[in-house]
Amino acid sequence: MSDEVLGTLKQMRKQIVRRTERNVAVRGAAISVGVDPGESDCDSLVEELLRGGYLQRYPSSSLTVHGLYRPRNLGISVADEADSLSS
């Protein structure tokens, strides 16, 4: 797993702390780890998160068009584990 993927998972985890809804802005999380949201690197990052099972699209494509995705339990677990190891 690349540093960008792990960093993005950790940033997405922070987005849902103390919230009832589980939607995350992946591009915002990517920016925080140094990935330009306008470049193909960000699209590749999103695809890697989807393929890895860390993230899922909403059934309503209108939310995904606006950059919102739903983190899966696997993605949250990986982020939590990485945080606990770095503490």
N, C-alpha and C. Protein backbone atom coordinates (compact mmCIF):
# COMPACT_ATOMS: atom_id res chain seq x y z
N MET A 1 0.86 -1.17 0.00
CA MET A 1 0.00 0.00 0.00
C MET A 1 0.90 1.23 0.00
N SER A 2 0.60 2.15 -0.89
CA SER A 2 1.42 3.35 -1.00
C SER A 2 1.16 4.31 0.17
N ASP A 3 2.10 5.20 0.39
CA ASP A 3 1.95 6.21 1.44
C ASP A 3 0.75 7.10 1.17
N GLU A 4 0.49 7.38 -0.11
CA GLU A 4 -0.65 8.23 -0.47
C GLU A 4 -1.97 7.56 -0.12
N VAL A 5 -2.08 6.26 -0.39
CA VAL A 5 -3.31 5.54 -0.06
C VAL A 5 -3.52 5.51 1.44
N LEU A 6 -2.48 5.15 2.18
CA LEU A 6 -2.60 5.09 3.64
C LEU A 6 -2.91 6.47 4.22
N GLY A 7 -2.22 7.48 3.75
CA GLY A 7 -2.48 8.84 4.23
C GLY A 7 -3.89 9.30 3.93
N THR A 8 -4.38 8.95 2.75
CA THR A 8 -5.74 9.32 2.37
C THR A 8 -6.76 8.60 3.25
N LEU A 9 -6.52 7.31 3.53
CA LEU A 9 -7.42 6.57 4.42
C LEU A 9 -7.46 7.22 5.80
N LYS A 10 -6.30 7.61 6.30
CA LYS A 10 -6.26 8.25 7.62
C LYS A 10 -7.00 9.58 7.63
N GLN A 11 -6.85 10.35 6.56
CA GLN A 11 -7.55 11.63 6.47
C GLN A 11 -9.07 11.43 6.35
N MET A 12 -9.47 10.42 5.59
CA MET A 12 -10.90 10.13 5.47
C MET A 12 -11.47 9.69 6.81
N ARG A 13 -10.71 8.93 7.56
CA ARG A 13 -11.14 8.49 8.89
C ARG A 13 -11.41 9.71 9.78
N LYS A 14 -10.53 10.69 9.70
CA LYS A 14 -10.72 11.91 10.49
C LYS A 14 -11.99 12.66 10.09
N GLN A 15 -12.38 12.55 8.81
CA GLN A 15 -13.57 13.25 8.33
C GLN A 15 -14.85 12.70 8.96
N ILE A 16 -14.85 11.44 9.38
CA ILE A 16 -16.09 10.85 9.88
C ILE A 16 -16.14 10.73 11.40
N VAL A 17 -15.10 11.16 12.09
CA VAL A 17 -15.10 11.09 13.55
C VAL A 17 -16.24 11.95 14.09
N ARG A 18 -17.00 11.38 14.99
CA ARG A 18 -18.12 12.05 15.65
C ARG A 18 -19.22 12.51 14.69
N ARG A 19 -19.38 11.82 13.60
CA ARG A 19 -20.45 12.15 12.65
C ARG A 19 -21.32 10.92 12.46
N THR A 20 -22.59 11.14 12.22
CA THR A 20 -23.49 10.01 12.00
C THR A 20 -23.43 9.52 10.56
N GLU A 21 -23.21 10.43 9.60
CA GLU A 21 -23.13 10.00 8.21
C GLU A 21 -21.69 9.61 7.88
N ARG A 22 -21.57 8.66 6.97
CA ARG A 22 -20.25 8.16 6.60
C ARG A 22 -19.90 8.57 5.18
N ASN A 23 -19.95 9.85 4.89
CA ASN A 23 -19.50 10.26 3.57
C ASN A 23 -18.20 11.03 3.72
N VAL A 24 -17.32 10.85 2.76
CA VAL A 24 -16.02 11.50 2.80
C VAL A 24 -15.74 12.16 1.46
N ALA A 25 -14.99 13.23 1.52
CA ALA A 25 -14.53 13.92 0.32
C ALA A 25 -13.11 13.42 0.04
N VAL A 26 -13.01 12.48 -0.87
CA VAL A 26 -11.72 11.84 -1.14
C VAL A 26 -10.71 12.84 -1.67
N ARG A 27 -11.14 13.73 -2.53
CA ARG A 27 -10.20 14.70 -3.11
C ARG A 27 -9.63 15.63 -2.03
N GLY A 28 -10.44 15.99 -1.06
CA GLY A 28 -9.94 16.80 0.06
C GLY A 28 -8.90 16.05 0.86
N ALA A 29 -9.15 14.77 1.08
CA ALA A 29 -8.19 13.94 1.80
C ALA A 29 -6.91 13.78 0.99
N ALA A 30 -7.05 13.65 -0.33
CA ALA A 30 -5.89 13.50 -1.20
C ALA A 30 -5.02 14.76 -1.17
N ILE A 31 -5.66 15.92 -1.17
CA ILE A 31 -4.91 17.17 -1.12
C ILE A 31 -4.05 17.21 0.14
N SER A 32 -4.59 16.72 1.24
CA SER A 32 -3.86 16.78 2.51
C SER A 32 -2.61 15.89 2.51
N VAL A 33 -2.53 14.94 1.59
CA VAL A 33 -1.33 14.11 1.48
C VAL A 33 -0.48 14.47 0.28
N GLY A 34 -0.80 15.61 -0.36
CA GLY A 34 0.03 16.12 -1.43
C GLY A 34 -0.33 15.70 -2.84
N VAL A 35 -1.51 15.13 -3.03
CA VAL A 35 -1.95 14.73 -4.36
C VAL A 35 -2.81 15.84 -4.94
N ASP A 36 -2.49 16.27 -6.14
CA ASP A 36 -3.24 17.33 -6.81
C ASP A 36 -4.57 16.77 -7.31
N PRO A 37 -5.70 17.33 -6.85
CA PRO A 37 -7.00 16.77 -7.23
C PRO A 37 -7.34 16.92 -8.70
N GLY A 38 -6.66 17.80 -9.41
CA GLY A 38 -6.93 18.01 -10.82
C GLY A 38 -6.12 17.11 -11.74
N GLU A 39 -5.22 16.35 -11.17
CA GLU A 39 -4.33 15.49 -11.96
C GLU A 39 -4.84 14.06 -11.99
N SER A 40 -4.30 13.29 -12.91
CA SER A 40 -4.71 11.89 -13.04
C SER A 40 -4.28 11.06 -11.82
N ASP A 41 -3.27 11.56 -11.08
CA ASP A 41 -2.84 10.84 -9.87
C ASP A 41 -3.98 10.70 -8.88
N CYS A 42 -4.82 11.72 -8.78
CA CYS A 42 -5.95 11.66 -7.85
C CYS A 42 -6.98 10.64 -8.34
N ASP A 43 -7.25 10.61 -9.62
CA ASP A 43 -8.16 9.61 -10.17
C ASP A 43 -7.63 8.21 -9.92
N SER A 44 -6.33 8.03 -10.10
CA SER A 44 -5.70 6.72 -9.86
C SER A 44 -5.81 6.34 -8.39
N LEU A 45 -5.64 7.31 -7.51
CA LEU A 45 -5.76 7.07 -6.08
C LEU A 45 -7.17 6.61 -5.72
N VAL A 46 -8.17 7.29 -6.25
CA VAL A 46 -9.57 6.91 -6.00
C VAL A 46 -9.82 5.49 -6.51
N GLU A 47 -9.34 5.19 -7.70
CA GLU A 47 -9.54 3.85 -8.27
C GLU A 47 -8.86 2.79 -7.42
N GLU A 48 -7.66 3.09 -6.90
CA GLU A 48 -6.96 2.14 -6.04
C GLU A 48 -7.74 1.89 -4.74
N LEU A 49 -8.31 2.95 -4.18
CA LEU A 49 -9.11 2.81 -2.97
C LEU A 49 -10.37 1.98 -3.23
N LEU A 50 -10.99 2.19 -4.39
CA LEU A 50 -12.18 1.41 -4.75
C LEU A 50 -11.82 -0.05 -5.00
N ARG A 51 -10.78 -0.30 -5.78
CA ARG A 51 -10.36 -1.67 -6.09
C ARG A 51 -9.94 -2.44 -4.85
N GLY A 52 -9.30 -1.74 -3.92
CA GLY A 52 -8.83 -2.38 -2.69
C GLY A 52 -9.93 -2.68 -1.69
N GLY A 53 -11.12 -2.17 -1.96
CA GLY A 53 -12.23 -2.41 -1.05
C GLY A 53 -12.26 -1.48 0.14
N TYR A 54 -11.49 -0.39 0.08
CA TYR A 54 -11.43 0.57 1.18
C TYR A 54 -12.53 1.62 1.09
N LEU A 55 -13.12 1.73 -0.07
CA LEU A 55 -14.04 2.82 -0.37
C LEU A 55 -15.13 2.28 -1.30
N GLN A 56 -16.30 2.88 -1.25
CA GLN A 56 -17.35 2.50 -2.21
C GLN A 56 -18.07 3.74 -2.71
N ARG A 57 -18.61 3.59 -3.90
CA ARG A 57 -19.42 4.66 -4.48
C ARG A 57 -20.80 4.62 -3.85
N TYR A 58 -21.47 5.76 -3.84
CA TYR A 58 -22.86 5.80 -3.41
C TYR A 58 -23.73 5.26 -4.53
N PRO A 59 -24.86 4.65 -4.19
CA PRO A 59 -25.78 4.20 -5.24
C PRO A 59 -26.26 5.37 -6.11
N SER A 60 -26.37 6.53 -5.51
CA SER A 60 -26.77 7.72 -6.27
C SER A 60 -25.52 8.36 -6.87
N SER A 61 -25.44 8.35 -8.18
CA SER A 61 -24.24 8.89 -8.84
C SER A 61 -24.08 10.39 -8.61
N SER A 62 -25.15 11.10 -8.23
CA SER A 62 -25.03 12.54 -8.02
C SER A 62 -24.08 12.85 -6.86
N LEU A 63 -24.03 12.00 -5.85
CA LEU A 63 -23.10 12.23 -4.74
C LEU A 63 -21.67 11.98 -5.18
N THR A 64 -21.46 10.93 -5.95
CA THR A 64 -20.12 10.62 -6.43
C THR A 64 -19.61 11.71 -7.36
N VAL A 65 -20.48 12.26 -8.18
CA VAL A 65 -20.10 13.36 -9.07
C VAL A 65 -19.55 14.53 -8.26
N HIS A 66 -20.08 14.72 -7.07
CA HIS A 66 -19.63 15.80 -6.20
C HIS A 66 -18.43 15.39 -5.33
N GLY A 67 -17.88 14.22 -5.61
CA GLY A 67 -16.67 13.78 -4.92
C GLY A 67 -16.89 13.10 -3.59
N LEU A 68 -18.13 12.72 -3.30
CA LEU A 68 -18.41 12.04 -2.04
C LEU A 68 -18.43 10.53 -2.24
N TYR A 69 -17.79 9.84 -1.34
CA TYR A 69 -17.74 8.39 -1.33
C TYR A 69 -18.02 7.93 0.09
N ARG A 70 -18.18 6.63 0.25
CA ARG A 70 -18.41 6.06 1.57
C ARG A 70 -17.25 5.14 1.92
N PRO A 71 -16.57 5.41 3.03
CA PRO A 71 -15.50 4.49 3.43
C PRO A 71 -16.09 3.16 3.90
N ARG A 72 -15.45 2.10 3.53
CA ARG A 72 -15.90 0.77 3.97
C ARG A 72 -15.23 0.44 5.28
N ASN A 73 -15.74 -0.55 5.97
CA ASN A 73 -15.17 -0.94 7.26
C ASN A 73 -13.70 -1.30 7.14
N LEU A 74 -13.31 -1.92 6.05
CA LEU A 74 -11.90 -2.27 5.84
C LEU A 74 -11.03 -1.02 5.83
N GLY A 75 -11.46 0.02 5.12
CA GLY A 75 -10.68 1.26 5.06
C GLY A 75 -10.55 1.92 6.42
N ILE A 76 -11.63 1.90 7.17
CA ILE A 76 -11.61 2.49 8.52
C ILE A 76 -10.68 1.69 9.42
N SER A 77 -10.74 0.37 9.33
CA SER A 77 -9.89 -0.49 10.15
C SER A 77 -8.41 -0.28 9.85
N VAL A 78 -8.09 -0.19 8.57
CA VAL A 78 -6.69 0.04 8.17
C VAL A 78 -6.19 1.37 8.71
N ALA A 79 -7.02 2.41 8.60
CA ALA A 79 -6.64 3.73 9.11
C ALA A 79 -6.47 3.70 10.62
N ASP A 80 -7.39 3.05 11.32
CA ASP A 80 -7.29 2.96 12.79
C ASP A 80 -6.03 2.21 13.21
N GLU A 81 -5.74 1.10 12.52
CA GLU A 81 -4.55 0.31 12.84
C GLU A 81 -3.28 1.12 12.60
N ALA A 82 -3.23 1.84 11.49
CA ALA A 82 -2.04 2.66 11.17
C ALA A 82 -1.85 3.74 12.22
N ASP A 83 -2.95 4.34 12.68
CA ASP A 83 -2.85 5.37 13.73
C ASP A 83 -2.37 4.77 15.04
N SER A 84 -2.85 3.58 15.37
CA SER A 84 -2.44 2.98 16.64
C SER A 84 -0.96 2.56 16.61
N LEU A 85 -0.46 2.20 15.45
CA LEU A 85 0.96 1.82 15.32
C LEU A 85 1.88 3.04 15.38
N SER A 86 1.37 4.18 14.93
CA SER A 86 2.22 5.38 14.91
C SER A 86 2.17 6.13 16.23
N SER A 87 1.30 5.71 17.13
CA SER A 87 1.21 6.39 18.44
C SER A 87 2.16 5.83 19.45
